[in-house]
PDB file of N, CA and C in Angstrom:
ATOM      1  N   MET A   1     -40.057  51.938 -68.101  1.00  0.00           N
ATOM      2  CA  MET A   1     -39.155  52.003 -66.990  1.00  0.00           C
ATOM      3  C   MET A   1     -39.928  52.528 -65.783  1.00  0.00           C
ATOM      4  N   THR A   2     -39.663  51.937 -64.639  1.00  0.00           N
ATOM      5  CA  THR A   2     -40.277  52.370 -63.382  1.00  0.00           C
ATOM      6  C   THR A   2     -39.166  52.695 -62.400  1.00  0.00           C
ATOM      7  N   TRP A   3     -39.317  53.796 -61.700  1.00  0.00           N
ATOM      8  CA  TRP A   3     -38.341  54.247 -60.716  1.00  0.00           C
ATOM      9  C   TRP A   3     -39.043  54.309 -59.364  1.00  0.00           C
ATOM     10  N   LEU A   4     -38.609  53.470 -58.426  1.00  0.00           N
ATOM     11  CA  LEU A   4     -39.159  53.473 -57.066  1.00  0.00           C
ATOM     12  C   LEU A   4     -38.255  54.314 -56.195  1.00  0.00           C
ATOM     13  N   THR A   5     -38.817  55.283 -55.523  1.00  0.00           N
ATOM     14  CA  THR A   5     -38.044  56.197 -54.687  1.00  0.00           C
ATOM     15  C   THR A   5     -38.853  56.565 -53.447  1.00  0.00           C
ATOM     16  N   SER A   6     -38.231  57.286 -52.529  1.00  0.00           N
ATOM     17  CA  SER A   6     -38.935  57.700 -51.312  1.00  0.00           C
ATOM     18  C   SER A   6     -39.974  58.767 -51.649  1.00  0.00           C
ATOM     19  N   ARG A   7     -40.867  59.003 -50.707  1.00  0.00           N
ATOM     20  CA  ARG A   7     -41.943  59.965 -50.939  1.00  0.00           C
ATOM     21  C   ARG A   7     -41.850  61.125 -49.947  1.00  0.00           C
ATOM     22  N   PRO A   8     -41.213  62.209 -50.360  1.00  0.00           N
ATOM     23  CA  PRO A   8     -41.160  63.389 -49.491  1.00  0.00           C
ATOM     24  C   PRO A   8     -42.560  63.969 -49.294  1.00  0.00           C
ATOM     25  N   ALA A   9     -42.743  64.657 -48.193  1.00  0.00           N
ATOM     26  CA  ALA A   9     -44.041  65.273 -47.900  1.00  0.00           C
ATOM     27  C   ALA A   9     -44.468  66.177 -49.053  1.00  0.00           C
ATOM     28  N   GLY A  10     -45.735  66.050 -49.435  1.00  0.00           N
ATOM     29  CA  GLY A  10     -46.291  66.887 -50.478  1.00  0.00           C
ATOM     30  C   GLY A  10     -46.076  66.386 -51.896  1.00  0.00           C
ATOM     31  N   SER A  11     -45.334  65.298 -52.067  1.00  0.00           N
ATOM     32  CA  SER A  11     -45.093  64.786 -53.423  1.00  0.00           C
ATOM     33  C   SER A  11     -46.182  63.791 -53.813  1.00  0.00           C
ATOM     34  N   LEU A  12     -46.352  63.617 -55.109  1.00  0.00           N
ATOM     35  CA  LEU A  12     -47.331  62.665 -55.615  1.00  0.00           C
ATOM     36  C   LEU A  12     -46.860  61.237 -55.369  1.00  0.00           C
ATOM     37  N   GLU A  13     -47.810  60.327 -55.117  1.00  0.00           N
ATOM     38  CA  GLU A  13     -47.453  58.921 -54.937  1.00  0.00           C
ATOM     39  C   GLU A  13     -46.990  58.306 -56.252  1.00  0.00           C
ATOM     40  N   ARG A  14     -47.611  58.714 -57.360  1.00  0.00           N
ATOM     41  CA  ARG A  14     -47.250  58.223 -58.692  1.00  0.00           C
ATOM     42  C   ARG A  14     -47.180  59.409 -59.645  1.00  0.00           C
ATOM     43  N   ASP A  15     -46.269  59.302 -60.596  1.00  0.00           N
ATOM     44  CA  ASP A  15     -46.100  60.365 -61.566  1.00  0.00           C
ATOM     45  C   ASP A  15     -45.398  59.786 -62.788  1.00  0.00           C
ATOM     46  N   VAL A  16     -45.583  60.393 -63.943  1.00  0.00           N
ATOM     47  CA  VAL A  16     -44.854  60.013 -65.148  1.00  0.00           C
ATOM     48  C   VAL A  16     -44.145  61.265 -65.650  1.00  0.00           C
ATOM     49  N   ILE A  17     -42.822  61.158 -65.754  1.00  0.00           N
ATOM     50  CA  ILE A  17     -42.008  62.276 -66.224  1.00  0.00           C
ATOM     51  C   ILE A  17     -41.129  61.750 -67.354  1.00  0.00           C
ATOM     52  N   ASP A  18     -41.247  62.370 -68.514  1.00  0.00           N
ATOM     53  CA  ASP A  18     -40.474  61.960 -69.693  1.00  0.00           C
ATOM     54  C   ASP A  18     -40.588  60.465 -69.964  1.00  0.00           C
ATOM     55  N   GLY A  19     -41.782  59.920 -69.780  1.00  0.00           N
ATOM     56  CA  GLY A  19     -42.029  58.513 -70.074  1.00  0.00           C
ATOM     57  C   GLY A  19     -41.586  57.547 -68.980  1.00  0.00           C
ATOM     58  N   ILE A  20     -41.010  58.065 -67.894  1.00  0.00           N
ATOM     59  CA  ILE A  20     -40.575  57.218 -66.777  1.00  0.00           C
ATOM     60  C   ILE A  20     -41.638  57.283 -65.689  1.00  0.00           C
ATOM     61  N   GLN A  21     -42.111  56.104 -65.253  1.00  0.00           N
ATOM     62  CA  GLN A  21     -43.093  56.034 -64.178  1.00  0.00           C
ATOM     63  C   GLN A  21     -42.357  56.118 -62.835  1.00  0.00           C
ATOM     64  N   PHE A  22     -42.709  57.097 -62.027  1.00  0.00           N
ATOM     65  CA  PHE A  22     -42.136  57.244 -60.693  1.00  0.00           C
ATOM     66  C   PHE A  22     -43.163  56.782 -59.669  1.00  0.00           C
ATOM     67  N   ILE A  23     -42.736  55.886 -58.796  1.00  0.00           N
ATOM     68  CA  ILE A  23     -43.565  55.434 -57.682  1.00  0.00           C
ATOM     69  C   ILE A  23     -42.837  55.858 -56.423  1.00  0.00           C
ATOM     70  N   ARG A  24     -43.517  56.607 -55.579  1.00  0.00           N
ATOM     71  CA  ARG A  24     -42.891  57.122 -54.355  1.00  0.00           C
ATOM     72  C   ARG A  24     -43.556  56.482 -53.144  1.00  0.00           C
ATOM     73  N   ARG A  25     -42.711  55.858 -52.311  1.00  0.00           N
ATOM     74  CA  ARG A  25     -43.216  55.197 -51.103  1.00  0.00           C
ATOM     75  C   ARG A  25     -42.203  55.341 -49.983  1.00  0.00           C
ATOM     76  N   GLY A  26     -42.696  55.501 -48.790  1.00  0.00           N
ATOM     77  CA  GLY A  26     -41.835  55.450 -47.621  1.00  0.00           C
ATOM     78  C   GLY A  26     -40.911  56.640 -47.458  1.00  0.00           C
ATOM     79  N   GLY A  27     -40.167  56.569 -46.349  1.00  0.00           N
ATOM     80  CA  GLY A  27     -39.207  57.613 -46.014  1.00  0.00           C
ATOM     81  C   GLY A  27     -37.814  57.027 -45.951  1.00  0.00           C
ATOM     82  N   THR A  28     -36.989  57.613 -45.132  1.00  0.00           N
ATOM     83  CA  THR A  28     -35.583  57.232 -45.047  1.00  0.00           C
ATOM     84  C   THR A  28     -35.377  55.733 -44.880  1.00  0.00           C
ATOM     85  N   PHE A  29     -36.099  55.105 -43.975  1.00  0.00           N
ATOM     86  CA  PHE A  29     -35.914  53.677 -43.735  1.00  0.00           C
ATOM     87  C   PHE A  29     -37.081  52.833 -44.229  1.00  0.00           C
ATOM     88  N   SER A  30     -38.302  53.358 -44.191  1.00  0.00           N
ATOM     89  CA  SER A  30     -39.447  52.556 -44.626  1.00  0.00           C
ATOM     90  C   SER A  30     -39.420  52.309 -46.135  1.00  0.00           C
ATOM     91  N   LEU A  31     -38.656  53.100 -46.882  1.00  0.00           N
ATOM     92  CA  LEU A  31     -38.503  52.853 -48.317  1.00  0.00           C
ATOM     93  C   LEU A  31     -37.917  51.467 -48.566  1.00  0.00           C
ATOM     94  N   TYR A  32     -37.021  51.017 -47.686  1.00  0.00           N
ATOM     95  CA  TYR A  32     -36.391  49.704 -47.879  1.00  0.00           C
ATOM     96  C   TYR A  32     -37.423  48.575 -47.797  1.00  0.00           C
ATOM     97  N   MET A  33     -38.356  48.681 -46.876  1.00  0.00           N
ATOM     98  CA  MET A  33     -39.419  47.675 -46.768  1.00  0.00           C
ATOM     99  C   MET A  33     -40.359  47.766 -47.967  1.00  0.00           C
ATOM    100  N   ALA A  34     -40.666  48.988 -48.391  1.00  0.00           N
ATOM    101  CA  ALA A  34     -41.540  49.175 -49.558  1.00  0.00           C
ATOM    102  C   ALA A  34     -40.886  48.606 -50.816  1.00  0.00           C
ATOM    103  N   ALA A  35     -39.580  48.809 -50.949  1.00  0.00           N
ATOM    104  CA  ALA A  35     -38.865  48.283 -52.113  1.00  0.00           C
ATOM    105  C   ALA A  35     -38.848  46.761 -52.086  1.00  0.00           C
ATOM    106  N   ALA A  36     -38.575  46.180 -50.914  1.00  0.00           N
ATOM    107  CA  ALA A  36     -38.565  44.717 -50.796  1.00  0.00           C
ATOM    108  C   ALA A  36     -39.934  44.145 -51.159  1.00  0.00           C
ATOM    109  N   ALA A  37     -41.002  44.758 -50.637  1.00  0.00           N
ATOM    110  CA  ALA A  37     -42.358  44.283 -50.920  1.00  0.00           C
ATOM    111  C   ALA A  37     -42.677  44.388 -52.418  1.00  0.00           C
ATOM    112  N   SER A  38     -42.275  45.484 -53.035  1.00  0.00           N
ATOM    113  CA  SER A  38     -42.521  45.666 -54.474  1.00  0.00           C
ATOM    114  C   SER A  38     -41.758  44.650 -55.302  1.00  0.00           C
ATOM    115  N   MET A  39     -40.494  44.403 -54.912  1.00  0.00           N
ATOM    116  CA  MET A  39     -39.702  43.428 -55.673  1.00  0.00           C
ATOM    117  C   MET A  39     -40.252  42.020 -55.508  1.00  0.00           C
ATOM    118  N   LEU A  40     -40.707  41.679 -54.301  1.00  0.00           N
ATOM    119  CA  LEU A  40     -41.296  40.348 -54.093  1.00  0.00           C
ATOM    120  C   LEU A  40     -42.571  40.185 -54.914  1.00  0.00           C
ATOM    121  N   ARG A  41     -43.376  41.235 -54.941  1.00  0.00           N
ATOM    122  CA  ARG A  41     -44.671  41.162 -55.625  1.00  0.00           C
ATOM    123  C   ARG A  41     -44.536  41.236 -57.143  1.00  0.00           C
ATOM    124  N   PHE A  42     -43.695  42.163 -57.621  1.00  0.00           N
ATOM    125  CA  PHE A  42     -43.628  42.416 -59.058  1.00  0.00           C
ATOM    126  C   PHE A  42     -42.331  41.943 -59.711  1.00  0.00           C
ATOM    127  N   GLY A  43     -41.406  41.423 -58.927  1.00  0.00           N
ATOM    128  CA  GLY A  43     -40.102  40.997 -59.440  1.00  0.00           C
ATOM    129  C   GLY A  43     -40.152  40.128 -60.675  1.00  0.00           C
ATOM    130  N   PRO A  44     -41.087  39.170 -60.745  1.00  0.00           N
ATOM    131  CA  PRO A  44     -41.153  38.338 -61.961  1.00  0.00           C
ATOM    132  C   PRO A  44     -41.455  39.133 -63.234  1.00  0.00           C
ATOM    133  N   LEU A  45     -41.951  40.342 -63.101  1.00  0.00           N
ATOM    134  CA  LEU A  45     -42.252  41.177 -64.270  1.00  0.00           C
ATOM    135  C   LEU A  45     -41.052  42.006 -64.716  1.00  0.00           C
ATOM    136  N   PHE A  46     -40.010  42.084 -63.876  1.00  0.00           N
ATOM    137  CA  PHE A  46     -38.863  42.943 -64.169  1.00  0.00           C
ATOM    138  C   PHE A  46     -37.885  42.253 -65.115  1.00  0.00           C
ATOM    139  N   ASP A  47     -37.384  43.000 -66.066  1.00  0.00           N
ATOM    140  CA  ASP A  47     -36.283  42.526 -66.904  1.00  0.00           C
ATOM    141  C   ASP A  47     -34.966  42.701 -66.155  1.00  0.00           C
ATOM    142  N   ALA A  48     -34.875  43.800 -65.408  1.00  0.00           N
ATOM    143  CA  ALA A  48     -33.643  44.110 -64.679  1.00  0.00           C
ATOM    144  C   ALA A  48     -33.969  45.060 -63.536  1.00  0.00           C
ATOM    145  N   VAL A  49     -33.070  45.093 -62.558  1.00  0.00           N
ATOM    146  CA  VAL A  49     -33.189  46.012 -61.428  1.00  0.00           C
ATOM    147  C   VAL A  49     -31.855  46.744 -61.297  1.00  0.00           C
ATOM    148  N   VAL A  50     -31.926  48.067 -61.198  1.00  0.00           N
ATOM    149  CA  VAL A  50     -30.742  48.860 -60.894  1.00  0.00           C
ATOM    150  C   VAL A  50     -30.888  49.265 -59.430  1.00  0.00           C
ATOM    151  N   ASP A  51     -30.059  48.683 -58.583  1.00  0.00           N
ATOM    152  CA  ASP A  51     -30.105  48.904 -57.135  1.00  0.00           C
ATOM    153  C   ASP A  51     -29.142  50.034 -56.820  1.00  0.00           C
ATOM    154  N   CYS A  52     -29.672  51.251 -56.710  1.00  0.00           N
ATOM    155  CA  CYS A  52     -28.838  52.428 -56.428  1.00  0.00           C
ATOM    156  C   CYS A  52     -28.736  52.613 -54.928  1.00  0.00           C
ATOM    157  N   GLN A  53     -27.573  52.357 -54.400  1.00  0.00           N
ATOM    158  CA  GLN A  53     -27.409  52.516 -52.969  1.00  0.00           C
ATOM    159  C   GLN A  53     -26.755  53.850 -52.653  1.00  0.00           C
ATOM    160  N   ASN A  54     -27.191  54.411 -51.571  1.00  0.00           N
ATOM    161  CA  ASN A  54     -26.586  55.625 -51.044  1.00  0.00           C
ATOM    162  C   ASN A  54     -26.185  55.309 -49.613  1.00  0.00           C
ATOM    163  N   GLY A  55     -25.242  54.411 -49.474  1.00  0.00           N
ATOM    164  CA  GLY A  55     -24.789  53.987 -48.153  1.00  0.00           C
ATOM    165  C   GLY A  55     -25.275  52.612 -47.777  1.00  0.00           C
ATOM    166  N   ILE A  56     -26.559  52.347 -47.990  1.00  0.00           N
ATOM    167  CA  ILE A  56     -27.142  51.046 -47.649  1.00  0.00           C
ATOM    168  C   ILE A  56     -27.856  50.513 -48.886  1.00  0.00           C
ATOM    169  N   PRO A  57     -27.492  49.328 -49.376  1.00  0.00           N
ATOM    170  CA  PRO A  57     -28.140  48.782 -50.573  1.00  0.00           C
ATOM    171  C   PRO A  57     -29.555  48.286 -50.276  1.00  0.00           C
ATOM    172  N   PHE A  58     -30.296  48.040 -51.328  1.00  0.00           N
ATOM    173  CA  PHE A  58     -31.649  47.492 -51.200  1.00  0.00           C
ATOM    174  C   PHE A  58     -31.654  45.965 -51.225  1.00  0.00           C
ATOM    175  N   PHE A  59     -30.512  45.341 -51.438  1.00  0.00           N
ATOM    176  CA  PHE A  59     -30.383  43.887 -51.452  1.00  0.00           C
ATOM    177  C   PHE A  59     -31.326  43.238 -52.459  1.00  0.00           C
ATOM    178  N   ALA A  60     -31.440  43.848 -53.626  1.00  0.00           N
ATOM    179  CA  ALA A  60     -32.359  43.385 -54.666  1.00  0.00           C
ATOM    180  C   ALA A  60     -32.243  41.898 -54.992  1.00  0.00           C
ATOM    181  N   PRO A  61     -31.046  41.302 -55.047  1.00  0.00           N
ATOM    182  CA  PRO A  61     -30.990  39.873 -55.402  1.00  0.00           C
ATOM    183  C   PRO A  61     -31.763  38.969 -54.447  1.00  0.00           C
ATOM    184  N   LEU A  62     -32.026  39.436 -53.240  1.00  0.00           N
ATOM    185  CA  LEU A  62     -32.791  38.628 -52.282  1.00  0.00           C
ATOM    186  C   LEU A  62     -34.285  38.623 -52.586  1.00  0.00           C
ATOM    187  N   PHE A  63     -34.752  39.586 -53.386  1.00  0.00           N
ATOM    188  CA  PHE A  63     -36.196  39.774 -53.552  1.00  0.00           C
ATOM    189  C   PHE A  63     -36.713  39.583 -54.973  1.00  0.00           C
ATOM    190  N   VAL A  64     -35.831  39.364 -55.929  1.00  0.00           N
ATOM    191  CA  VAL A  64     -36.272  39.144 -57.308  1.00  0.00           C
ATOM    192  C   VAL A  64     -35.829  37.752 -57.749  1.00  0.00           C
ATOM    193  N   PRO A  65     -36.453  37.201 -58.781  1.00  0.00           N
ATOM    194  CA  PRO A  65     -36.037  35.880 -59.261  1.00  0.00           C
ATOM    195  C   PRO A  65     -34.566  35.886 -59.685  1.00  0.00           C
ATOM    196  N   ALA A  66     -33.924  34.757 -59.563  1.00  0.00           N
ATOM    197  CA  ALA A  66     -32.511  34.639 -59.921  1.00  0.00           C
ATOM    198  C   ALA A  66     -32.266  34.972 -61.393  1.00  0.00           C
ATOM    199  N   SER A  67     -33.290  34.836 -62.213  1.00  0.00           N
ATOM    200  CA  SER A  67     -33.146  35.131 -63.637  1.00  0.00           C
ATOM    201  C   SER A  67     -33.182  36.631 -63.944  1.00  0.00           C
ATOM    202  N   THR A  68     -33.503  37.451 -62.954  1.00  0.00           N
ATOM    203  CA  THR A  68     -33.567  38.903 -63.146  1.00  0.00           C
ATOM    204  C   THR A  68     -32.178  39.503 -62.975  1.00  0.00           C
ATOM    205  N   ALA A  69     -31.730  40.255 -63.966  1.00  0.00           N
ATOM    206  CA  ALA A  69     -30.427  40.920 -63.883  1.00  0.00           C
ATOM    207  C   ALA A  69     -30.485  42.030 -62.842  1.00  0.00           C
ATOM    208  N   VAL A  70     -29.476  42.088 -61.978  1.00  0.00           N
ATOM    209  CA  VAL A  70     -29.388  43.137 -60.959  1.00  0.00           C
ATOM    210  C   VAL A  70     -28.025  43.804 -61.077  1.00  0.00           C
ATOM    211  N   THR A  71     -28.033  45.119 -61.156  1.00  0.00           N
ATOM    212  CA  THR A  71     -26.803  45.904 -61.167  1.00  0.00           C
ATOM    213  C   THR A  71     -26.803  46.797 -59.944  1.00  0.00           C
ATOM    214  N   GLN A  72     -25.714  46.786 -59.207  1.00  0.00           N
ATOM    215  CA  GLN A  72     -25.559  47.623 -58.011  1.00  0.00           C
ATOM    216  C   GLN A  72     -24.790  48.877 -58.391  1.00  0.00           C
ATOM    217  N   VAL A  73     -25.373  50.039 -58.160  1.00  0.00           N
ATOM    218  CA  VAL A  73     -24.704  51.307 -58.421  1.00  0.00           C
ATOM    219  C   VAL A  73     -24.282  51.891 -57.076  1.00  0.00           C
ATOM    220  N   VAL A  74     -22.997  52.160 -56.947  1.00  0.00           N
ATOM    221  CA  VAL A  74     -22.451  52.743 -55.715  1.00  0.00           C
ATOM    222  C   VAL A  74     -21.967  54.145 -56.048  1.00  0.00           C
ATOM    223  N   HIS A  75     -22.659  55.141 -55.518  1.00  0.00           N
ATOM    224  CA  HIS A  75     -22.286  56.536 -55.782  1.00  0.00           C
ATOM    225  C   HIS A  75     -21.023  56.930 -55.033  1.00  0.00           C
ATOM    226  N   HIS A  76     -20.954  56.507 -53.802  1.00  0.00           N
ATOM    227  CA  HIS A  76     -19.803  56.776 -52.955  1.00  0.00           C
ATOM    228  C   HIS A  76     -19.820  55.768 -51.815  1.00  0.00           C
ATOM    229  N   VAL A  77     -18.711  55.636 -51.120  1.00  0.00           N
ATOM    230  CA  VAL A  77     -18.585  54.630 -50.070  1.00  0.00           C
ATOM    231  C   VAL A  77     -18.619  55.300 -48.700  1.00  0.00           C
ATOM    232  N   HIS A  78     -19.437  54.750 -47.816  1.00  0.00           N
ATOM    233  CA  HIS A  78     -19.519  55.232 -46.442  1.00  0.00           C
ATOM    234  C   HIS A  78     -18.725  54.300 -45.543  1.00  0.00           C
ATOM    235  N   GLN A  79     -18.146  54.809 -44.526  1.00  0.00           N
ATOM    236  CA  GLN A  79     -17.495  53.995 -43.506  1.00  0.00           C
ATOM    237  C   GLN A  79     -18.521  53.713 -42.411  1.00  0.00           C
ATOM    238  N   ASP A  80     -18.588  52.491 -41.944  1.00  0.00           N
ATOM    239  CA  ASP A  80     -19.422  52.117 -40.790  1.00  0.00           C
ATOM    240  C   ASP A  80     -20.882  52.536 -40.918  1.00  0.00           C
ATOM    241  N   GLN A  81     -21.452  52.487 -42.118  1.00  0.00           N
ATOM    242  CA  GLN A  81     -22.834  52.916 -42.324  1.00  0.00           C
ATOM    243  C   GLN A  81     -23.825  52.073 -41.523  1.00  0.00           C
ATOM    244  N   PHE A  82     -23.631  50.749 -41.522  1.00  0.00           N
ATOM    245  CA  PHE A  82     -24.548  49.889 -40.787  1.00  0.00           C
ATOM    246  C   PHE A  82     -24.430  50.129 -39.294  1.00  0.00           C
ATOM    247  N   GLY A  83     -23.231  50.325 -38.798  1.00  0.00           N
ATOM    248  CA  GLY A  83     -23.026  50.567 -37.380  1.00  0.00           C
ATOM    249  C   GLY A  83     -23.671  51.854 -36.901  1.00  0.00           C
ATOM    250  N   VAL A  84     -23.760  52.836 -37.776  1.00  0.00           N
ATOM    251  CA  VAL A  84     -24.383  54.116 -37.420  1.00  0.00           C
ATOM    252  C   VAL A  84     -25.896  53.977 -37.333  1.00  0.00           C
ATOM    253  N   HIS A  85     -26.492  53.305 -38.323  1.00  0.00           N
ATOM    254  CA  HIS A  85     -27.951  53.217 -38.387  1.00  0.00           C
ATOM    255  C   HIS A  85     -28.527  51.969 -37.733  1.00  0.00           C
ATOM    256  N   PHE A  86     -27.719  50.926 -37.603  1.00  0.00           N
ATOM    257  CA  PHE A  86     -28.194  49.669 -37.038  1.00  0.00           C
ATOM    258  C   PHE A  86     -27.221  49.203 -35.962  1.00  0.00           C
ATOM    259  N   PRO A  87     -27.324  49.785 -34.773  1.00  0.00           N
ATOM    260  CA  PRO A  87     -26.330  49.492 -33.741  1.00  0.00           C
ATOM    261  C   PRO A  87     -26.417  48.096 -33.122  1.00  0.00           C
ATOM    262  N   ALA A  88     -27.473  47.368 -33.381  1.00  0.00           N
ATOM    263  CA  ALA A  88     -27.585  46.022 -32.806  1.00  0.00           C
ATOM    264  C   ALA A  88     -26.448  45.153 -33.322  1.00  0.00           C
ATOM    265  N   ARG A  89     -25.765  44.482 -32.437  1.00  0.00           N
ATOM    266  CA  ARG A  89     -24.593  43.686 -32.790  1.00  0.00           C
ATOM    267  C   ARG A  89     -24.895  42.671 -33.894  1.00  0.00           C
ATOM    268  N   SER A  90     -26.047  42.031 -33.820  1.00  0.00           N
ATOM    269  CA  SER A  90     -26.364  40.999 -34.804  1.00  0.00           C
ATOM    270  C   SER A  90     -26.488  41.582 -36.206  1.00  0.00           C
ATOM    271  N   LEU A  91     -27.076  42.754 -36.351  1.00  0.00           N
ATOM    272  CA  LEU A  91     -27.199  43.362 -37.673  1.00  0.00           C
ATOM    273  C   LEU A  91     -25.842  43.787 -38.205  1.00  0.00           C
ATOM    274  N   ARG A  92     -24.990  44.302 -37.347  1.00  0.00           N
ATOM    275  CA  ARG A  92     -23.641  44.682 -37.776  1.00  0.00           C
ATOM    276  C   ARG A  92     -22.871  43.463 -38.259  1.00  0.00           C
ATOM    277  N   GLN A  93     -23.043  42.351 -37.560  1.00  0.00           N
ATOM    278  CA  GLN A  93     -22.330  41.136 -37.943  1.00  0.00           C
ATOM    279  C   GLN A  93     -22.777  40.653 -39.319  1.00  0.00           C
ATOM    280  N   VAL A  94     -24.075  40.700 -39.568  1.00  0.00           N
ATOM    281  CA  VAL A  94     -24.600  40.287 -40.881  1.00  0.00           C
ATOM    282  C   VAL A  94     -24.066  41.204 -41.961  1.00  0.00           C
ATOM    283  N   ALA A  95     -24.150  42.510 -41.730  1.00  0.00           N
ATOM    284  CA  ALA A  95     -23.736  43.491 -42.724  1.00  0.00           C
ATOM    285  C   ALA A  95     -22.238  43.441 -42.991  1.00  0.00           C
ATOM    286  N   CYS A  96     -21.470  43.129 -41.980  1.00  0.00           N
ATOM    287  CA  CYS A  96     -20.009  43.153 -42.125  1.00  0.00           C
ATOM    288  C   CYS A  96     -19.414  41.760 -42.350  1.00  0.00           C
ATOM    289  N   SER A  97     -20.238  40.765 -42.564  1.00  0.00           N
ATOM    290  CA  SER A  97     -19.729  39.400 -42.721  1.00  0.00           C
ATOM    291  C   SER A  97     -18.831  39.255 -43.937  1.00  0.00           C
ATOM    292  N   LYS A  98     -18.939  40.163 -44.904  1.00  0.00           N
ATOM    293  CA  LYS A  98     -18.098  40.121 -46.093  1.00  0.00           C
ATOM    294  C   LYS A  98     -16.627  40.326 -45.736  1.00  0.00           C
ATOM    295  N   ASP A  99     -16.353  40.955 -44.582  1.00  0.00           N
ATOM    296  CA  ASP A  99     -14.970  41.211 -44.166  1.00  0.00           C
ATOM    297  C   ASP A  99     -14.272  39.980 -43.640  1.00  0.00           C
ATOM    298  N   ARG A 100     -15.013  38.918 -43.409  1.00  0.00           N
ATOM    299  CA  ARG A 100     -14.420  37.709 -42.799  1.00  0.00           C
ATOM    300  C   ARG A 100     -13.893  36.767 -43.821  1.00  0.00           C
TER     301      ARG A 100
END
């Protein structure tokens, strides 16, 4: 099992804890690009992806093969999360298109 997460200052880039490989990359927003790049590069090797969102999902189905199982975990629901972090009208429209 591999767990991709953000990399706080002073933390190791890679670590193994209780048999789980942790890869730490990026910060609050750059983690999303790092995750997309990792899924594009290594996605064919994955049996499954657990996309844990904390307000904004990683959109895993866009970056892994269609044959890869993806489960979305939602810890809690935010109101207007995209509008807060992505004020550009076009991004809000894409993010909120599910409401139409």
